[in-house]
C-alpha atoms as a PDB file:
ATOM      1  CA  MET A   1     -23.227  10.274  -6.006  1.00  0.00           C
ATOM      2  CA  THR A   2     -21.907   9.175  -9.801  1.00  0.00           C
ATOM      3  CA  ARG A   3     -25.363   8.281 -10.976  1.00  0.00           C
ATOM      4  CA  LEU A   4     -26.060  11.692  -9.182  1.00  0.00           C
ATOM      5  CA  ILE A   5     -23.293  13.504 -11.886  1.00  0.00           C
ATOM      6  CA  HIS A   6     -24.437  11.617 -14.655  1.00  0.00           C
ATOM      7  CA  ARG A   7     -27.876  12.384 -14.390  1.00  0.00           C
ATOM      8  CA  ARG A   8     -27.965  15.947 -13.358  1.00  0.00           C
ATOM      9  CA  MET A   9     -24.988  17.206 -15.292  1.00  0.00           C
ATOM     10  CA  PRO A  10     -24.187  18.552 -18.583  1.00  0.00           C
ATOM     11  CA  ALA A  11     -22.751  16.476 -20.589  1.00  0.00           C
ATOM     12  CA  ALA A  12     -20.123  19.212 -21.264  1.00  0.00           C
ATOM     13  CA  GLY A  13     -19.586  19.927 -17.554  1.00  0.00           C
ATOM     14  CA  LEU A  14     -18.773  15.984 -16.826  1.00  0.00           C
ATOM     15  CA  LEU A  15     -16.725  15.624 -19.907  1.00  0.00           C
ATOM     16  CA  ALA A  16     -14.402  18.619 -18.691  1.00  0.00           C
ATOM     17  CA  ILE A  17     -14.387  16.733 -14.855  1.00  0.00           C
ATOM     18  CA  LEU A  18     -13.565  14.060 -16.318  1.00  0.00           C
ATOM     19  CA  SER A  19     -10.324  15.935 -18.488  1.00  0.00           C
ATOM     20  CA  VAL A  20      -9.271  17.227 -15.222  1.00  0.00           C
ATOM     21  CA  ILE A  21      -9.389  14.164 -13.676  1.00  0.00           C
ATOM     22  CA  ALA A  22      -7.288  12.980 -16.458  1.00  0.00           C
ATOM     23  CA  ALA A  23      -4.494  15.195 -16.617  1.00  0.00           C
ATOM     24  CA  TRP A  24      -3.626  14.471 -12.778  1.00  0.00           C
ATOM     25  CA  GLY A  25      -2.965  11.142 -13.891  1.00  0.00           C
ATOM     26  CA  VAL A  26      -5.817  10.086 -11.623  1.00  0.00           C
ATOM     27  CA  THR A  27      -8.688   7.196 -13.490  1.00  0.00           C
ATOM     28  CA  PRO A  28     -12.383   7.924 -12.248  1.00  0.00           C
ATOM     29  CA  THR A  29     -12.739   5.290 -10.051  1.00  0.00           C
ATOM     30  CA  MET A  30      -9.622   6.124  -8.293  1.00  0.00           C
ATOM     31  CA  ALA A  31     -11.390   9.542  -7.337  1.00  0.00           C
ATOM     32  CA  GLN A  32     -14.159   8.218  -6.393  1.00  0.00           C
ATOM     33  CA  ASP A  33     -12.315   5.711  -3.447  1.00  0.00           C
ATOM     34  CA  ALA A  34      -9.815   8.030  -2.523  1.00  0.00           C
ATOM     35  CA  PRO A  35      -9.744   8.041   1.640  1.00  0.00           C
ATOM     36  CA  ASP A  36     -10.109  11.600   3.333  1.00  0.00           C
ATOM     37  CA  TYR A  37      -6.171  12.116   3.259  1.00  0.00           C
ATOM     38  CA  ALA A  38      -7.428  14.985   6.146  1.00  0.00           C
ATOM     39  CA  ALA A  39      -8.291  12.819   8.509  1.00  0.00           C
ATOM     40  CA  ILE A  40      -5.291  10.735   7.694  1.00  0.00           C
ATOM     41  CA  VAL A  41      -2.570  13.418   8.436  1.00  0.00           C
ATOM     42  CA  ALA A  42      -4.711  14.799  11.349  1.00  0.00           C
ATOM     43  CA  SER A  43      -4.868  10.918  13.264  1.00  0.00           C
ATOM     44  CA  PRO A  44      -4.424  11.306  16.634  1.00  0.00           C
ATOM     45  CA  ASP A  45      -1.349   8.518  17.090  1.00  0.00           C
ATOM     46  CA  ARG A  46       0.608  10.157  14.890  1.00  0.00           C
ATOM     47  CA  SER A  47       3.861  11.431  16.349  1.00  0.00           C
ATOM     48  CA  ASP A  48       4.430  15.284  17.104  1.00  0.00           C
ATOM     49  CA  ALA A  49       8.119  14.406  14.997  1.00  0.00           C
ATOM     50  CA  ASP A  50       5.683  13.385  11.661  1.00  0.00           C
ATOM     51  CA  ARG A  51       3.516  16.923  12.154  1.00  0.00           C
ATOM     52  CA  GLN A  52       7.007  18.652  12.431  1.00  0.00           C
ATOM     53  CA  THR A  53       8.304  17.580   9.502  1.00  0.00           C
ATOM     54  CA  ASP A  54       4.159  18.047   7.967  1.00  0.00           C
ATOM     55  CA  GLN A  55       5.105  21.854   7.935  1.00  0.00           C
ATOM     56  CA  ARG A  56       7.463  21.722   5.425  1.00  0.00           C
ATOM     57  CA  ARG A  57       5.650  18.594   3.265  1.00  0.00           C
ATOM     58  CA  ALA A  58       2.688  19.698   2.691  1.00  0.00           C
ATOM     59  CA  PRO A  59       1.018  15.891   2.816  1.00  0.00           C
ATOM     60  CA  VAL A  60      -2.374  16.006   2.022  1.00  0.00           C
ATOM     61  CA  LYS A  61      -1.907  17.655  -1.384  1.00  0.00           C
ATOM     62  CA  MET A  62       1.328  15.031  -1.354  1.00  0.00           C
ATOM     63  CA  LEU A  63      -1.246  12.171  -0.867  1.00  0.00           C
ATOM     64  CA  ALA A  64      -3.871  13.330  -2.996  1.00  0.00           C
ATOM     65  CA  PHE A  65      -1.436  13.766  -6.236  1.00  0.00           C
ATOM     66  CA  THR A  66      -0.340  10.585  -5.591  1.00  0.00           C
ATOM     67  CA  GLY A  67      -4.320   8.855  -5.799  1.00  0.00           C
ATOM     68  CA  ALA A  68      -2.974   6.433  -2.965  1.00  0.00           C
ATOM     69  CA  ARG A  69      -6.360   4.774  -1.855  1.00  0.00           C
ATOM     70  CA  PRO A  70      -7.647   1.440  -0.595  1.00  0.00           C
ATOM     71  CA  GLY A  71      -5.742  -2.000  -2.055  1.00  0.00           C
ATOM     72  CA  MET A  72      -2.895  -0.264  -4.036  1.00  0.00           C
ATOM     73  CA  LYS A  73       0.083  -1.839  -4.178  1.00  0.00           C
ATOM     74  CA  VAL A  74       2.413   0.916  -3.538  1.00  0.00           C
ATOM     75  CA  PHE A  75       6.453   0.406  -3.304  1.00  0.00           C
ATOM     76  CA  ASP A  76       7.906   3.813  -1.430  1.00  0.00           C
ATOM     77  CA  MET A  77      11.933   3.895  -3.032  1.00  0.00           C
ATOM     78  CA  GLU A  78      14.534   5.014  -0.076  1.00  0.00           C
ATOM     79  CA  ALA A  79      11.530   5.538   2.461  1.00  0.00           C
ATOM     80  CA  GLY A  80      14.425   6.172   5.162  1.00  0.00           C
ATOM     81  CA  ALA A  81      13.138   6.392   8.680  1.00  0.00           C
ATOM     82  CA  GLY A  82       9.718   5.862   6.441  1.00  0.00           C
ATOM     83  CA  TYR A  83       7.602   8.989   7.632  1.00  0.00           C
ATOM     84  CA  SER A  84       5.794   8.876   3.676  1.00  0.00           C
ATOM     85  CA  THR A  85       6.053   5.525   4.105  1.00  0.00           C
ATOM     86  CA  GLU A  86       3.645   5.014   7.353  1.00  0.00           C
ATOM     87  CA  LEU A  87       1.284   7.809   5.400  1.00  0.00           C
ATOM     88  CA  LEU A  88       0.710   5.998   2.325  1.00  0.00           C
ATOM     89  CA  ALA A  89      -0.019   2.730   4.334  1.00  0.00           C
ATOM     90  CA  ARG A  90      -2.665   4.630   5.642  1.00  0.00           C
ATOM     91  CA  ALA A  91      -4.117   5.624   2.876  1.00  0.00           C
ATOM     92  CA  VAL A  92      -3.529   2.601   1.139  1.00  0.00           C
ATOM     93  CA  ALA A  93      -5.220   0.248   3.926  1.00  0.00           C
ATOM     94  CA  PRO A  94      -7.579  -1.942   3.741  1.00  0.00           C
ATOM     95  CA  GLY A  95      -6.751  -4.338   1.619  1.00  0.00           C
ATOM     96  CA  GLY A  96      -3.633  -2.515   0.305  1.00  0.00           C
ATOM     97  CA  VAL A  97       0.132  -3.028   0.123  1.00  0.00           C
ATOM     98  CA  VAL A  98       3.732  -0.881   0.796  1.00  0.00           C
ATOM     99  CA  TYR A  99       6.894  -2.213   0.297  1.00  0.00           C
ATOM    100  CA  ALA A 100       9.141   0.816   1.458  1.00  0.00           C
ATOM    101  CA  GLN A 101      12.669   0.443   0.013  1.00  0.00           C
ATOM    102  CA  ASP A 102      16.200   1.573   1.932  1.00  0.00           C
ATOM    103  CA  SER A 103      19.367   0.543   0.266  1.00  0.00           C
ATOM    104  CA  ALA A 104      22.086  -1.374   3.129  1.00  0.00           C
ATOM    105  CA  ALA A 105      23.782   1.805   2.877  1.00  0.00           C
ATOM    106  CA  VAL A 106      21.069   3.736   3.996  1.00  0.00           C
ATOM    107  CA  MET A 107      19.586   1.512   6.423  1.00  0.00           C
ATOM    108  CA  GLU A 108      22.832   2.182   8.419  1.00  0.00           C
ATOM    109  CA  HIS A 109      21.948   5.627   9.166  1.00  0.00           C
ATOM    110  CA  VAL A 110      18.570   5.319  10.093  1.00  0.00           C
ATOM    111  CA  LYS A 111      17.414   1.691  10.867  1.00  0.00           C
ATOM    112  CA  ASP A 112      16.583   2.650  14.735  1.00  0.00           C
ATOM    113  CA  LYS A 113      14.118   5.074  13.122  1.00  0.00           C
ATOM    114  CA  PHE A 114      12.218   2.853  11.238  1.00  0.00           C
ATOM    115  CA  ASP A 115      11.954   0.063  13.158  1.00  0.00           C
ATOM    116  CA  ILE A 116      10.520   2.549  15.928  1.00  0.00           C
ATOM    117  CA  ARG A 117       7.220   3.520  13.608  1.00  0.00           C
ATOM    118  CA  ALA A 118       7.326  -0.002  11.958  1.00  0.00           C
ATOM    119  CA  GLN A 119       5.790  -1.793  16.165  1.00  0.00           C
ATOM    120  CA  SER A 120       2.713   1.337  15.176  1.00  0.00           C
ATOM    121  CA  PRO A 121      -0.394  -0.430  14.200  1.00  0.00           C
ATOM    122  CA  ALA A 122      -0.015   1.612  11.177  1.00  0.00           C
ATOM    123  CA  MET A 123       2.794  -0.053   9.051  1.00  0.00           C
ATOM    124  CA  LYS A 124       0.866  -3.053   9.466  1.00  0.00           C
ATOM    125  CA  ASN A 125       0.930  -3.305   5.489  1.00  0.00           C
ATOM    126  CA  VAL A 126       4.731  -2.484   5.150  1.00  0.00           C
ATOM    127  CA  VAL A 127       7.248  -4.766   4.113  1.00  0.00           C
ATOM    128  CA  HIS A 128      10.505  -2.847   4.808  1.00  0.00           C
ATOM    129  CA  VAL A 129      12.973  -4.067   1.938  1.00  0.00           C
ATOM    130  CA  ILE A 130      16.609  -3.645   1.823  1.00  0.00           C
ATOM    131  CA  ARG A 131      18.022  -3.666  -1.719  1.00  0.00           C
ATOM    132  CA  ASN A 132      20.457  -1.407  -3.642  1.00  0.00           C
ATOM    133  CA  PHE A 133      19.233   1.664  -5.726  1.00  0.00           C
ATOM    134  CA  ASP A 134      19.133   0.005  -8.837  1.00  0.00           C
ATOM    135  CA  ASP A 135      17.993  -3.130  -8.222  1.00  0.00           C
ATOM    136  CA  PRO A 136      15.173  -1.983  -6.117  1.00  0.00           C
ATOM    137  CA  ILE A 137      12.429  -4.217  -6.580  1.00  0.00           C
ATOM    138  CA  PRO A 138      12.015  -8.144  -5.451  1.00  0.00           C
ATOM    139  CA  PRO A 139      11.183 -10.306  -8.361  1.00  0.00           C
ATOM    140  CA  ASP A 140       8.756 -11.493  -6.490  1.00  0.00           C
ATOM    141  CA  VAL A 141       6.409  -8.467  -6.371  1.00  0.00           C
ATOM    142  CA  SER A 142       5.425  -7.001 -10.045  1.00  0.00           C
ATOM    143  CA  GLY A 143       1.397  -5.502 -10.714  1.00  0.00           C
ATOM    144  CA  LEU A 144       2.844  -2.047  -8.742  1.00  0.00           C
ATOM    145  CA  ASP A 145       0.016   0.502  -8.992  1.00  0.00           C
ATOM    146  CA  LEU A 146       1.837   3.383  -7.840  1.00  0.00           C
ATOM    147  CA  ILE A 147       6.031   4.428  -6.773  1.00  0.00           C
ATOM    148  CA  THR A 148       6.765   7.073  -5.171  1.00  0.00           C
ATOM    149  CA  PHE A 149      10.818   8.532  -4.972  1.00  0.00           C
ATOM    150  CA  PHE A 150      10.248  11.291  -2.242  1.00  0.00           C
ATOM    151  CA  PHE A 151      13.452  13.983  -1.608  1.00  0.00           C
ATOM    152  CA  ALA A 152      15.789  11.086  -2.694  1.00  0.00           C
ATOM    153  CA  TYR A 153      16.198  10.982  -6.103  1.00  0.00           C
ATOM    154  CA  HIS A 154      19.669  13.384  -5.582  1.00  0.00           C
ATOM    155  CA  ASP A 155      20.302  11.053  -3.511  1.00  0.00           C
ATOM    156  CA  THR A 156      21.893   8.299  -5.795  1.00  0.00           C
ATOM    157  CA  THR A 157      23.812  10.801  -8.321  1.00  0.00           C
ATOM    158  CA  TYR A 158      26.344  10.637  -5.969  1.00  0.00           C
ATOM    159  CA  MET A 159      26.583   7.133  -5.107  1.00  0.00           C
ATOM    160  CA  PRO A 160      27.680   4.413  -7.169  1.00  0.00           C
ATOM    161  CA  VAL A 161      23.822   3.967  -8.361  1.00  0.00           C
ATOM    162  CA  ASP A 162      22.633   2.882 -12.890  1.00  0.00           C
ATOM    163  CA  ARG A 163      19.986   5.563 -12.541  1.00  0.00           C
ATOM    164  CA  ALA A 164      18.948   4.217 -15.887  1.00  0.00           C
ATOM    165  CA  GLU A 165      18.298   0.291 -14.688  1.00  0.00           C
ATOM    166  CA  MET A 166      17.204   1.799 -11.449  1.00  0.00           C
ATOM    167  CA  ASP A 167      14.557   3.499 -13.826  1.00  0.00           C
ATOM    168  CA  ARG A 168      13.917   0.677 -15.964  1.00  0.00           C
ATOM    169  CA  LYS A 169      13.420  -1.355 -13.145  1.00  0.00           C
ATOM    170  CA  MET A 170      10.587   1.088 -11.502  1.00  0.00           C
ATOM    171  CA  PHE A 171       9.190   1.309 -14.928  1.00  0.00           C
ATOM    172  CA  ALA A 172       9.373  -2.979 -15.804  1.00  0.00           C
ATOM    173  CA  THR A 173       6.903  -3.118 -12.354  1.00  0.00           C
ATOM    174  CA  LEU A 174       4.343  -0.931 -12.780  1.00  0.00           C
ATOM    175  CA  LYS A 175       1.085  -2.228 -13.491  1.00  0.00           C
ATOM    176  CA  PRO A 176      -0.190  -0.552 -17.630  1.00  0.00           C
ATOM    177  CA  GLY A 177      -1.095   2.732 -16.391  1.00  0.00           C
ATOM    178  CA  GLY A 178       0.576   2.775 -13.021  1.00  0.00           C
ATOM    179  CA  LEU A 179       2.033   5.734 -11.887  1.00  0.00           C
ATOM    180  CA  LEU A 180       5.337   7.435 -10.501  1.00  0.00           C
ATOM    181  CA  VAL A 181       5.567  10.003  -8.095  1.00  0.00           C
ATOM    182  CA  ILE A 182       8.958  11.788  -7.828  1.00  0.00           C
ATOM    183  CA  ALA A 183       9.344  14.709  -5.368  1.00  0.00           C
ATOM    184  CA  ASP A 184      12.390  16.328  -5.010  1.00  0.00           C
ATOM    185  CA  HIS A 185      14.773  19.358  -4.268  1.00  0.00           C
ATOM    186  CA  SER A 186      15.547  21.771  -7.473  1.00  0.00           C
ATOM    187  CA  ALA A 187      18.945  22.721  -9.325  1.00  0.00           C
ATOM    188  CA  ARG A 188      19.271  25.510 -10.765  1.00  0.00           C
ATOM    189  CA  PRO A 189      19.098  25.046 -14.507  1.00  0.00           C
ATOM    190  CA  GLY A 190      22.798  24.164 -16.009  1.00  0.00           C
ATOM    191  CA  ASP A 191      23.446  22.160 -12.436  1.00  0.00           C
ATOM    192  CA  GLY A 192      21.849  18.923 -13.663  1.00  0.00           C
ATOM    193  CA  ALA A 193      22.941  16.376 -11.232  1.00  0.00           C
ATOM    194  CA  ASN A 194      26.213  17.397 -10.370  1.00  0.00           C
ATOM    195  CA  VAL A 195      25.217  19.341  -7.129  1.00  0.00           C
ATOM    196  CA  GLY A 196      23.206  15.895  -5.572  1.00  0.00           C
ATOM    197  CA  LYS A 197      26.062  15.926  -2.726  1.00  0.00           C
ATOM    198  CA  THR A 198      27.345  19.185  -2.408  1.00  0.00           C
ATOM    199  CA  LEU A 199      22.949  21.322  -2.149  1.00  0.00           C
ATOM    200  CA  HIS A 200      21.385  17.840  -2.620  1.00  0.00           C
ATOM    201  CA  ARG A 201      19.676  19.427  -5.444  1.00  0.00           C
ATOM    202  CA  ILE A 202      19.165  17.973  -8.843  1.00  0.00           C
ATOM    203  CA  GLU A 203      17.419  19.919 -11.500  1.00  0.00           C
ATOM    204  CA  GLU A 204      13.582  19.417 -12.419  1.00  0.00           C
ATOM    205  CA  SER A 205      14.575  18.853 -16.361  1.00  0.00           C
ATOM    206  CA  THR A 206      17.761  16.535 -15.820  1.00  0.00           C
ATOM    207  CA  LEU A 207      15.816  13.987 -13.958  1.00  0.00           C
ATOM    208  CA  ARG A 208      12.355  14.475 -16.072  1.00  0.00           C
ATOM    209  CA  GLN A 209      14.852  13.487 -18.996  1.00  0.00           C
ATOM    210  CA  GLU A 210      16.537  10.273 -17.017  1.00  0.00           C
ATOM    211  CA  VAL A 211      12.579   9.019 -16.143  1.00  0.00           C
ATOM    212  CA  GLU A 212      11.523   9.913 -19.084  1.00  0.00           C
ATOM    213  CA  ALA A 213      14.129   8.068 -21.075  1.00  0.00           C
ATOM    214  CA  ALA A 214      13.110   4.658 -19.110  1.00  0.00           C
ATOM    215  CA  GLY A 215       9.590   4.924 -21.091  1.00  0.00           C
ATOM    216  CA  PHE A 216       7.162   6.694 -18.375  1.00  0.00           C
ATOM    217  CA  LYS A 217       4.848   9.834 -19.863  1.00  0.00           C
ATOM    218  CA  LEU A 218       4.842  13.002 -17.202  1.00  0.00           C
ATOM    219  CA  VAL A 219       1.330  13.619 -17.290  1.00  0.00           C
ATOM    220  CA  SER A 220       1.527  16.289 -14.313  1.00  0.00           C
ATOM    221  CA  GLU A 221       2.782  18.175 -12.138  1.00  0.00           C
ATOM    222  CA  ALA A 222       2.339  20.202  -8.847  1.00  0.00           C
ATOM    223  CA  ASP A 223       3.527  23.128  -7.764  1.00  0.00           C
ATOM    224  CA  PHE A 224       2.836  23.053  -4.384  1.00  0.00           C
ATOM    225  CA  LEU A 225       5.888  23.579  -2.845  1.00  0.00           C
ATOM    226  CA  ARG A 226       7.188  25.876  -4.939  1.00  0.00           C
ATOM    227  CA  ASN A 227       8.987  28.787  -3.581  1.00  0.00           C
ATOM    228  CA  PRO A 228      10.073  31.121  -5.723  1.00  0.00           C
ATOM    229  CA  LYS A 229      12.173  33.239  -3.653  1.00  0.00           C
ATOM    230  CA  ASP A 230      14.952  30.454  -3.710  1.00  0.00           C
ATOM    231  CA  PRO A 231      17.717  30.620  -5.069  1.00  0.00           C
ATOM    232  CA  ARG A 232      18.400  27.654  -5.241  1.00  0.00           C
ATOM    233  CA  ASP A 233      22.618  28.368  -4.448  1.00  0.00           C
ATOM    234  CA  ALA A 234      22.688  26.122  -1.212  1.00  0.00           C
ATOM    235  CA  ALA A 235      22.332  23.434   0.067  1.00  0.00           C
ATOM    236  CA  THR A 236      19.040  21.932   1.231  1.00  0.00           C
ATOM    237  CA  PHE A 237      16.652  23.005   4.557  1.00  0.00           C
ATOM    238  CA  HIS A 238      18.368  26.597   5.102  1.00  0.00           C
ATOM    239  CA  PRO A 239      17.044  27.504   8.122  1.00  0.00           C
ATOM    240  CA  GLN A 240      16.268  31.637   6.742  1.00  0.00           C
ATOM    241  CA  ILE A 241      14.679  30.059   2.723  1.00  0.00           C
ATOM    242  CA  PRO A 242      12.182  27.062   2.162  1.00  0.00           C
ATOM    243  CA  ASN A 243      12.745  25.350  -0.654  1.00  0.00           C
ATOM    244  CA  ASP A 244      12.354  25.114  -4.011  1.00  0.00           C
ATOM    245  CA  GLU A 245      10.531  21.996  -5.133  1.00  0.00           C
ATOM    246  CA  PHE A 246       9.375  20.666  -7.471  1.00  0.00           C
ATOM    247  CA  VAL A 247       6.592  17.095  -7.554  1.00  0.00           C
ATOM    248  CA  LEU A 248       6.335  15.629 -11.064  1.00  0.00           C
ATOM    249  CA  LYS A 249       3.535  12.443 -11.037  1.00  0.00           C
ATOM    250  CA  PHE A 250       4.762  10.120 -14.678  1.00  0.00           C
ATOM    251  CA  GLN A 251       2.597   7.330 -15.970  1.00  0.00           C
ATOM    252  CA  LYS A 252       3.527   4.245 -17.705  1.00  0.00           C
ATOM    253  CA  PRO A 253       1.481   4.305 -21.119  1.00  0.00           C
ATOM    254  CA  SER A 254      -1.662   1.588 -21.354  1.00  0.00           C
END
């Protein structure tokens, strides 16, 4: 298909497509090799509970935004019960691996759920990593293609975590050109990192400043989980108001 595009499409059109791909932080090779994300989400062996979570997580769009594809080496920060971990594991198979990180404190709440999920064949390429947030990546893991941090960066604001060190460790372990995708619940302007425990939110600009201080460059952002009707003054998962959530893609410069 790539050859057809080069023969039939005018150079200006091809350049326009490549510029759009680059704006999303995805190389042409990544786009070419991307799996069928909709088919992954529709896999018949996924649990009913995960399908319920799908309704508020937009997993097809999220997977596409990450660019996860077969053969990639992925690190999933605060994997929790493993909802996103399993989707990523399906996306990078065959040949890929997903490291699912949880701190010991988080594991006290989710261990049984993660262990049950780990029995699924879809999780055979997952390595569970129990490490603190400010030293999350084992020393023998390097050259990561992608790090994901879904709806949990705000948790580190009220834990005894050195977030600057955490961000530096993530940066150091990504390969040049590697990506960091963060999604979280949006706080109001001025809230900064002060409402993580009470509202389970973080101000987008605060998170961005912290991550960029480690050397990352923002390359793309998505609006598929945005909700302008959310006043952002209540704890997340309000029964009547869907959360306003931001999704950001950062890159380690080549």
